[in-house]
Amino acid sequence: MTDAQKTAADTTLRAAGESPPDPRPAPVPLLEPREGIPPVTATEEALAEVVAAFAAGTGPVAVDAERASGYRYGQRAYLVQLRREGAGSALIDPVGCPDLSALGEAIGDAEWVLHAATQDLPCLRDIGMVPSRLFDTELAGRLAGFARVGLGAMVENVLGFALEKGHSAVDWSTRPLPEPWLRYAALDVELLVDLRDALEEELEQQGKLEWARQEFAAIAAAPPPPPRKDPWRRTSGMHKVRRRRQMAVVRELWTARDEVAQRRDVSPGKVLSDSAIVEAALSLPPNSHALAGLPGFGHRMGRRQLDQWQAAVDRARALSESELPQPGQPLNGPPPPRSWADKDPVAAARLSAARAAVTALAEQLNLPQENLITPDTVRRLCWEPPAAPTEESVAAVLAGHGARRWQIEQVAPLLTEALRTDPEAG
């Protein structure tokens, strides 16, 4: 009997009220983990027991992590959930057990099952957990053509169970964690392996399983992303800031805010809002009194804080012209497509043909265009195509931009044709 079947057998409560006619049976609500809520592992002794249990387990390992986005600085994990046949479920507190490398090694040869793996892998890597192979149920759902690929929707549509998702955005750094949150966390991995098995079967039937395996291998092999260059440029409302001196104010305030947020371990937005930073940049206040009159720097802000932000503004005001940031980020790749018609009409025609061909093929294959081939790869190819566009030369360019073998096999012929587009034809 599978996890799903066992859980269904143990579930006695059903959704209240009548539902409209539906050919499918109403989803069965998952209200409690089958073995109950596991205790939170927060000591080295308890962790050693979990490591031994999961090392002795069999089959894939369901893995999930909860962060405190919007509450704490950074994206560290505040709870790690796992489940494996023969080991049951485990909830681990990375605050009490900050090094999970022994656990990572114990299950290192097993396939890890995650939902939206790229969201959790960075914080898992930080605590010593790195998979050698994985199965991403969210990505599998995309490749299989599901319109809704959130975990709740996938479990309901594929397995027929309803997950309670009310605690996904809570502050997981809270200690002790409330019992309803722990129940929610344990249920998130309760059926993940069942979902994996069902999606593997669906992908096999659609002839896409090998595609998925290549995608999963690429995720597992990907190195950590490099630090973002000039992250202050992503300040919300930045499009309003056009002068270089104003941009310098954004940079100084963003940097000062980040230092405070990191020191206090709180989300930067709780220290100073993006909108307040932009207001200060646009106004260039000469002193703290003027700063206090701006939105976001109101009466509840103390004099010490105001002086701290004003000092950042003053640093920007004192910069020489050569020290001011340049408008816009240096282009790493082609210009925005909206400018192609003026800059290079032939390239614009290539891009239009390529986009149309990719859209048509994605619809035929019943998967999102961005999973068939990334838009950035298409733009780069169309802006700087091979001198002699053949399927081989196009395939080489696609591979150089990180396209997987299955993607190249699908799109290289149609993109080769698009590169030969004659803008004067028709």
Protein backbone atom coordinates (compact mmCIF):
# COMPACT_ATOMS: atom_id res chain seq x y z
CA MET A 1 0.00 0.00 0.00
CA THR A 2 1.37 3.43 -0.95
CA ASP A 3 1.67 6.42 1.36
CA ALA A 4 -1.33 7.94 -0.41
CA GLN A 5 -3.47 4.85 0.13
CA LYS A 6 -2.47 4.52 3.77
CA THR A 7 -3.19 8.17 4.44
CA ALA A 8 -6.58 7.91 2.74
CA ALA A 9 -7.44 4.88 4.86
CA ASP A 10 -6.56 6.77 8.04
CA THR A 11 -8.43 9.94 7.08
CA THR A 12 -11.92 9.99 8.60
CA LEU A 13 -12.94 13.64 8.15
CA ARG A 14 -14.30 14.96 4.90
CA ALA A 15 -14.94 18.45 3.58
CA ALA A 16 -18.13 19.97 5.02
CA GLY A 17 -21.00 21.03 2.76
CA GLU A 18 -22.05 19.90 -0.64
CA SER A 19 -19.96 20.55 -3.73
CA PRO A 20 -21.27 21.20 -7.23
CA PRO A 21 -21.48 18.22 -9.59
CA ASP A 22 -18.01 17.12 -10.68
CA PRO A 23 -16.99 13.98 -12.55
CA ARG A 24 -14.08 13.58 -10.17
CA PRO A 25 -14.59 12.62 -6.51
CA ALA A 26 -14.11 15.40 -4.00
CA PRO A 27 -10.50 15.61 -2.78
CA VAL A 28 -9.81 13.91 0.52
CA PRO A 29 -8.50 16.46 3.04
CA LEU A 30 -5.21 15.53 4.67
CA LEU A 31 -5.63 16.56 8.28
CA GLU A 32 -2.91 14.71 10.15
CA PRO A 33 0.36 12.92 9.27
CA ARG A 34 -0.16 9.17 9.43
CA GLU A 35 2.32 8.62 12.29
CA GLY A 36 1.32 11.91 13.90
CA ILE A 37 3.46 15.04 14.02
CA PRO A 38 7.09 13.99 14.46
CA PRO A 39 9.05 15.68 17.25
CA VAL A 40 11.27 18.56 16.18
CA THR A 41 14.90 17.43 16.02
CA ALA A 42 16.97 20.18 17.63
CA THR A 43 19.90 18.43 19.34
CA GLU A 44 22.93 16.58 18.01
CA GLU A 45 21.82 13.41 19.80
CA ALA A 46 18.38 13.45 18.20
CA LEU A 47 19.93 14.32 14.84
CA ALA A 48 22.18 11.26 15.01
CA GLU A 49 19.07 9.08 15.42
CA VAL A 50 17.44 10.71 12.38
CA VAL A 51 20.60 10.22 10.31
CA ALA A 52 20.70 6.52 11.22
CA ALA A 53 17.00 6.05 10.43
CA PHE A 54 17.19 7.72 7.04
CA ALA A 55 20.41 5.92 6.13
CA ALA A 56 18.59 2.64 6.80
CA GLY A 57 15.50 3.69 4.82
CA THR A 58 14.83 2.75 1.23
CA GLY A 59 13.77 4.52 -1.94
CA PRO A 60 13.55 8.24 -2.71
CA VAL A 61 13.66 10.88 0.02
CA ALA A 62 11.05 13.63 0.12
CA VAL A 63 12.73 16.90 1.13
CA ASP A 64 11.31 20.35 1.85
CA ALA A 65 12.51 23.47 3.67
CA GLU A 66 10.77 26.45 5.24
CA ARG A 67 12.32 29.91 5.26
CA ALA A 68 11.34 33.20 6.90
CA SER A 69 11.15 35.33 3.77
CA GLY A 70 9.88 38.80 4.55
CA TYR A 71 10.77 38.42 8.23
CA ARG A 72 14.49 37.62 8.46
CA TYR A 73 17.58 38.68 6.55
CA GLY A 74 18.58 36.27 3.82
CA GLN A 75 17.03 32.98 2.79
CA ARG A 76 18.29 30.53 5.40
CA ALA A 77 16.26 27.45 6.30
CA TYR A 78 14.39 27.47 9.62
CA LEU A 79 12.87 24.01 9.27
CA VAL A 80 13.78 20.99 7.13
CA GLN A 81 11.24 18.23 6.51
CA LEU A 82 12.07 14.77 5.19
CA ARG A 83 10.25 11.50 4.61
CA ARG A 84 11.51 8.11 3.44
CA GLU A 85 10.15 4.59 3.33
CA GLY A 86 11.32 2.76 6.44
CA ALA A 87 12.28 5.98 8.25
CA GLY A 88 8.99 7.89 8.41
CA SER A 89 8.98 11.66 8.60
CA ALA A 90 11.39 14.01 10.35
CA LEU A 91 11.28 17.71 11.20
CA ILE A 92 14.71 19.21 11.81
CA ASP A 93 15.47 22.62 13.32
CA PRO A 94 18.55 24.05 11.52
CA VAL A 95 18.91 26.64 14.29
CA GLY A 96 19.61 23.91 16.85
CA CYS A 97 21.33 21.69 14.26
CA PRO A 98 23.09 24.06 11.87
CA ASP A 99 25.25 21.37 10.21
CA LEU A 100 23.25 18.70 8.41
CA SER A 101 26.14 17.42 6.30
CA ALA A 102 26.00 14.01 8.01
CA LEU A 103 22.36 13.70 7.01
CA GLY A 104 23.17 14.88 3.51
CA GLU A 105 25.83 12.17 3.22
CA ALA A 106 23.50 9.51 4.64
CA ILE A 107 20.95 10.10 1.87
CA GLY A 108 23.43 11.38 -0.71
CA ASP A 109 23.06 8.40 -3.05
CA ALA A 110 19.25 8.45 -2.93
CA GLU A 111 17.03 10.42 -5.26
CA TRP A 112 15.70 13.53 -3.52
CA VAL A 113 12.14 14.56 -4.29
CA LEU A 114 11.51 18.30 -4.02
CA HIS A 115 8.81 20.65 -5.24
CA ALA A 116 10.32 23.70 -6.99
CA ALA A 117 13.83 22.48 -6.18
CA THR A 118 15.66 25.66 -7.17
CA GLN A 119 13.89 27.52 -4.36
CA ASP A 120 15.07 25.17 -1.62
CA LEU A 121 18.46 23.97 -2.84
CA PRO A 122 20.39 27.17 -1.92
CA CYS A 123 19.29 27.12 1.73
CA LEU A 124 19.82 23.35 1.93
CA ARG A 125 23.32 23.74 0.50
CA ASP A 126 24.11 26.28 3.22
CA ILE A 127 23.50 23.64 5.90
CA GLY A 128 25.42 20.87 4.16
CA MET A 129 22.70 19.13 2.16
CA VAL A 130 23.42 18.70 -1.56
CA PRO A 131 21.69 16.04 -3.66
CA SER A 132 23.50 14.00 -6.30
CA ARG A 133 20.22 13.40 -8.14
CA LEU A 134 16.69 14.69 -7.74
CA PHE A 135 13.12 14.70 -9.00
CA ASP A 136 11.35 18.07 -9.07
CA THR A 137 7.58 17.57 -8.93
CA GLU A 138 6.85 21.18 -9.87
CA LEU A 139 9.00 21.03 -12.99
CA ALA A 140 7.59 17.60 -13.82
CA GLY A 141 4.12 19.12 -13.69
CA ARG A 142 5.15 21.84 -16.11
CA LEU A 143 6.62 19.37 -18.57
CA ALA A 144 3.50 17.22 -18.30
CA GLY A 145 1.32 20.21 -19.23
CA PHE A 146 -0.47 20.87 -15.93
CA ALA A 147 -1.94 24.37 -15.80
CA ARG A 148 -1.50 24.69 -12.01
CA VAL A 149 1.75 23.37 -10.60
CA GLY A 150 1.69 24.52 -6.96
CA LEU A 151 2.09 21.63 -4.53
CA GLY A 152 -1.50 21.85 -3.29
CA ALA A 153 -2.94 21.89 -6.80
CA MET A 154 -0.72 19.03 -7.95
CA VAL A 155 -1.54 16.80 -4.97
CA GLU A 156 -5.24 17.47 -5.48
CA ASN A 157 -5.31 17.01 -9.25
CA VAL A 158 -2.94 14.04 -9.44
CA LEU A 159 -3.56 12.18 -6.18
CA GLY A 160 -7.00 13.44 -5.13
CA PHE A 161 -6.01 14.84 -1.74
CA ALA A 162 -6.38 18.36 -0.34
CA LEU A 163 -3.44 19.93 1.47
CA GLU A 164 -3.98 22.79 3.91
CA LYS A 165 -1.74 25.65 2.71
CA GLY A 166 -2.52 28.33 5.28
CA HIS A 167 0.95 28.53 6.84
CA SER A 168 3.19 28.88 3.79
CA ALA A 169 4.04 32.56 4.42
CA VAL A 170 4.38 32.59 8.22
CA ASP A 171 7.52 33.51 10.15
CA TRP A 172 9.26 30.15 10.38
CA SER A 173 11.96 31.64 12.61
CA THR A 174 9.37 31.69 15.43
CA ARG A 175 10.35 29.51 18.37
CA PRO A 176 8.77 27.34 19.53
CA LEU A 177 6.97 26.55 16.27
CA PRO A 178 3.20 26.19 16.85
CA GLU A 179 1.74 22.72 16.43
CA PRO A 180 -0.48 23.67 13.44
CA TRP A 181 2.61 24.88 11.58
CA LEU A 182 4.45 21.64 12.32
CA ARG A 183 1.47 19.62 11.11
CA TYR A 184 1.42 21.64 7.88
CA ALA A 185 5.17 21.13 7.44
CA ALA A 186 4.97 17.37 7.96
CA LEU A 187 2.06 17.03 5.53
CA ASP A 188 4.08 18.81 2.85
CA VAL A 189 6.34 15.74 2.52
CA GLU A 190 3.69 13.11 3.36
CA LEU A 191 2.72 12.46 -0.27
CA LEU A 192 5.66 13.91 -2.18
CA VAL A 193 7.05 10.51 -3.20
CA ASP A 194 3.57 9.37 -4.29
CA LEU A 195 3.28 12.50 -6.41
CA ARG A 196 6.69 11.77 -7.89
CA ASP A 197 5.66 8.22 -8.84
CA ALA A 198 2.42 9.38 -10.47
CA LEU A 199 4.18 12.13 -12.43
CA GLU A 200 6.90 9.75 -13.59
CA GLU A 201 4.19 7.49 -15.01
CA GLU A 202 2.47 10.45 -16.68
CA LEU A 203 5.71 11.68 -18.23
CA GLU A 204 6.49 8.18 -19.45
CA GLN A 205 3.10 7.98 -21.15
CA GLN A 206 3.67 11.36 -22.82
CA GLY A 207 7.16 10.43 -23.99
CA LYS A 208 8.71 13.17 -21.86
CA LEU A 209 10.38 11.23 -19.05
CA GLU A 210 13.84 11.47 -20.59
CA TRP A 211 13.31 15.22 -20.99
CA ALA A 212 12.53 15.49 -17.30
CA ARG A 213 15.57 13.44 -16.34
CA GLN A 214 17.82 15.78 -18.30
CA GLU A 215 16.23 18.79 -16.59
CA PHE A 216 16.65 17.26 -13.14
CA ALA A 217 20.29 16.36 -13.84
CA ALA A 218 20.98 19.94 -14.93
CA ILE A 219 19.50 21.31 -11.70
CA ALA A 220 21.49 18.91 -9.54
CA ALA A 221 24.73 19.73 -11.37
CA ALA A 222 24.26 23.51 -11.44
CA PRO A 223 26.78 25.50 -9.36
CA PRO A 224 25.55 28.10 -6.87
CA PRO A 225 24.54 31.29 -8.67
CA PRO A 226 27.07 34.15 -8.45
CA PRO A 227 26.21 37.17 -6.31
CA ARG A 228 23.94 39.59 -8.12
CA LYS A 229 25.77 42.62 -9.53
CA ASP A 230 24.48 45.99 -8.30
CA PRO A 231 21.48 44.55 -6.41
CA TRP A 232 20.39 48.08 -5.45
CA ARG A 233 19.27 48.58 -9.04
CA ARG A 234 16.38 46.20 -8.35
CA THR A 235 14.83 48.58 -5.85
CA SER A 236 11.09 48.74 -6.49
CA GLY A 237 10.22 52.05 -8.17
CA MET A 238 13.72 52.44 -9.62
CA HIS A 239 12.21 53.36 -13.00
CA LYS A 240 11.31 56.77 -11.55
CA VAL A 241 14.96 57.54 -10.74
CA ARG A 242 16.62 58.97 -13.83
CA ARG A 243 19.47 61.24 -12.69
CA ARG A 244 22.82 59.80 -11.70
CA ARG A 245 22.92 61.74 -8.41
CA GLN A 246 19.53 60.33 -7.50
CA MET A 247 20.76 56.86 -8.39
CA ALA A 248 23.67 57.38 -6.03
CA VAL A 249 21.19 58.13 -3.23
CA VAL A 250 19.40 54.86 -3.92
CA ARG A 251 22.71 53.01 -3.84
CA GLU A 252 23.83 54.58 -0.55
CA LEU A 253 20.48 54.12 1.19
CA TRP A 254 20.14 50.55 -0.09
CA THR A 255 23.64 49.69 1.16
CA ALA A 256 23.05 51.31 4.56
CA ARG A 257 19.71 49.53 4.91
CA ASP A 258 21.25 46.19 3.99
CA GLU A 259 23.96 46.57 6.64
CA VAL A 260 21.35 47.36 9.31
CA ALA A 261 19.10 44.49 8.21
CA GLN A 262 21.96 42.02 8.25
CA ARG A 263 23.10 43.18 11.68
CA ARG A 264 19.58 42.93 13.11
CA ASP A 265 18.68 39.79 11.12
CA VAL A 266 15.46 41.23 9.79
CA SER A 267 14.07 41.63 6.30
CA PRO A 268 15.43 44.83 4.68
CA GLY A 269 11.88 45.96 3.93
CA LYS A 270 11.17 46.06 7.66
CA VAL A 271 14.09 48.45 8.16
CA LEU A 272 13.23 50.90 5.39
CA SER A 273 10.83 50.48 2.49
CA ASP A 274 11.85 50.66 -1.14
CA SER A 275 9.33 53.44 -1.67
CA ALA A 276 10.99 55.53 1.06
CA ILE A 277 14.39 55.06 -0.60
CA VAL A 278 13.00 56.24 -3.94
CA GLU A 279 11.28 59.24 -2.33
CA ALA A 280 14.56 60.32 -0.75
CA ALA A 281 16.39 59.89 -4.05
CA LEU A 282 13.89 62.01 -5.94
CA SER A 283 13.82 64.75 -3.28
CA LEU A 284 17.53 64.88 -2.31
CA PRO A 285 16.71 66.30 1.17
CA PRO A 286 19.38 68.69 2.48
CA ASN A 287 18.94 67.71 6.15
CA SER A 288 17.21 65.32 8.56
CA HIS A 289 14.32 67.71 9.08
CA ALA A 290 13.50 67.69 5.38
CA LEU A 291 13.97 63.92 5.26
CA ALA A 292 11.45 63.47 8.09
CA GLY A 293 8.80 65.12 5.93
CA LEU A 294 9.04 62.48 3.23
CA PRO A 295 6.76 59.42 3.04
CA GLY A 296 8.36 56.46 4.78
CA PHE A 297 10.41 58.63 7.17
CA GLY A 298 7.48 59.65 9.35
CA HIS A 299 7.07 60.71 12.96
CA ARG A 300 7.59 57.19 14.33
CA MET A 301 11.19 57.19 13.13
CA GLY A 302 13.64 58.32 15.80
CA ARG A 303 16.21 61.07 15.37
CA ARG A 304 19.07 58.59 15.40
CA GLN A 305 17.54 56.65 12.53
CA LEU A 306 16.83 59.82 10.56
CA ASP A 307 20.43 60.94 11.00
CA GLN A 308 21.62 57.52 9.80
CA TRP A 309 19.59 57.77 6.57
CA GLN A 310 20.47 61.41 6.06
CA ALA A 311 24.16 60.51 6.33
CA ALA A 312 23.66 58.10 3.43
CA VAL A 313 21.98 60.86 1.40
CA ASP A 314 24.82 63.23 2.24
CA ARG A 315 27.39 60.70 1.06
CA ALA A 316 25.65 60.53 -2.30
CA ARG A 317 25.43 64.32 -2.52
CA ALA A 318 29.19 64.62 -1.88
CA LEU A 319 30.28 62.26 -4.67
CA SER A 320 32.11 63.65 -7.65
CA GLU A 321 30.63 63.19 -11.11
CA SER A 322 33.07 60.39 -11.88
CA GLU A 323 31.94 58.47 -8.78
CA LEU A 324 28.26 58.51 -9.68
CA PRO A 325 26.72 55.29 -11.00
CA GLN A 326 26.04 55.02 -14.69
CA PRO A 327 22.41 54.88 -15.83
CA GLY A 328 21.28 51.37 -16.65
CA GLN A 329 23.18 48.16 -16.16
CA PRO A 330 25.90 47.13 -18.61
CA LEU A 331 24.27 44.90 -21.16
CA ASN A 332 25.25 41.25 -20.92
CA GLY A 333 23.66 40.12 -24.12
CA PRO A 334 21.36 41.63 -26.74
CA PRO A 335 19.47 44.91 -26.24
CA PRO A 336 15.77 44.88 -25.27
CA PRO A 337 13.71 43.40 -28.15
CA ARG A 338 11.60 46.56 -28.46
CA SER A 339 14.63 48.36 -29.87
CA TRP A 340 15.57 45.69 -32.43
CA ALA A 341 13.41 47.04 -35.25
CA ASP A 342 15.45 50.26 -35.22
CA LYS A 343 18.86 48.80 -34.44
CA ASP A 344 18.72 45.70 -36.66
CA PRO A 345 15.50 45.04 -38.62
CA VAL A 346 16.82 41.74 -39.95
CA ALA A 347 17.46 40.48 -36.40
CA ALA A 348 13.97 41.66 -35.42
CA ALA A 349 12.50 39.59 -38.24
CA ARG A 350 14.50 36.56 -37.12
CA LEU A 351 13.26 36.97 -33.56
CA SER A 352 9.64 37.32 -34.66
CA ALA A 353 9.87 34.13 -36.73
CA ALA A 354 11.65 32.26 -33.94
CA ARG A 355 9.12 33.28 -31.31
CA ALA A 356 6.22 32.21 -33.52
CA ALA A 357 7.83 28.83 -34.19
CA VAL A 358 8.61 28.21 -30.51
CA THR A 359 5.08 29.20 -29.49
CA ALA A 360 3.54 26.81 -32.00
CA LEU A 361 5.77 23.90 -30.97
CA ALA A 362 5.20 24.50 -27.25
CA GLU A 363 1.45 24.37 -27.81
CA GLN A 364 1.82 21.18 -29.83
CA LEU A 365 3.93 19.57 -27.07
CA ASN A 366 1.63 20.92 -24.32
CA LEU A 367 4.28 22.58 -22.20
CA PRO A 368 5.26 26.19 -21.36
CA GLN A 369 7.42 27.98 -23.92
CA GLU A 370 10.05 28.84 -21.32
CA ASN A 371 10.50 25.15 -20.51
CA LEU A 372 10.87 24.26 -24.18
CA ILE A 373 13.66 26.86 -24.56
CA THR A 374 14.38 29.96 -22.51
CA PRO A 375 13.42 33.29 -24.12
CA ASP A 376 16.89 34.64 -23.33
CA THR A 377 18.51 31.84 -25.33
CA VAL A 378 16.26 32.57 -28.32
CA ARG A 379 17.10 36.29 -28.15
CA ARG A 380 20.84 35.66 -27.97
CA LEU A 381 20.71 33.26 -30.90
CA CYS A 382 18.68 35.65 -33.06
CA TRP A 383 20.85 38.66 -32.22
CA GLU A 384 24.15 36.89 -32.94
CA PRO A 385 23.36 33.89 -35.16
CA PRO A 386 26.00 31.58 -36.63
CA ALA A 387 27.54 32.88 -39.86
CA ALA A 388 26.12 29.89 -41.71
CA PRO A 389 22.94 28.78 -39.93
CA THR A 390 22.74 25.00 -40.07
CA GLU A 391 21.12 22.67 -37.58
CA GLU A 392 24.59 21.70 -36.35
CA SER A 393 25.80 25.28 -35.86
CA VAL A 394 22.52 26.32 -34.21
CA ALA A 395 22.68 23.28 -31.94
CA ALA A 396 26.20 24.28 -30.89
CA VAL A 397 25.05 27.80 -29.99
CA LEU A 398 22.08 26.46 -28.00
CA ALA A 399 24.33 24.04 -26.11
CA GLY A 400 26.70 26.91 -25.33
CA HIS A 401 23.81 28.75 -23.69
CA GLY A 402 22.96 25.74 -21.52
CA ALA A 403 20.12 24.16 -23.50
CA ARG A 404 19.60 20.49 -22.73
CA ARG A 405 19.90 17.80 -25.39
CA TRP A 406 16.14 17.25 -25.63
CA GLN A 407 15.54 20.98 -26.08
CA ILE A 408 18.12 21.17 -28.85
CA GLU A 409 16.59 18.18 -30.62
CA GLN A 410 13.17 19.82 -30.51
CA VAL A 411 13.97 23.43 -31.43
CA ALA A 412 17.17 23.41 -33.50
CA PRO A 413 15.38 22.63 -36.79
CA LEU A 414 12.73 25.31 -36.42
CA LEU A 415 15.17 27.92 -35.11
CA THR A 416 17.50 27.20 -38.02
CA GLU A 417 14.61 27.93 -40.35
CA ALA A 418 13.78 31.13 -38.45
CA LEU A 419 17.36 32.38 -38.81
CA ARG A 420 17.01 32.13 -42.55
CA THR A 421 14.00 34.44 -42.52
CA ASP A 422 13.99 37.01 -45.29
CA PRO A 423 12.41 40.23 -43.92
CA GLU A 424 11.63 41.33 -47.45
CA ALA A 425 9.66 38.17 -48.25
CA GLY A 426 5.90 38.47 -48.35
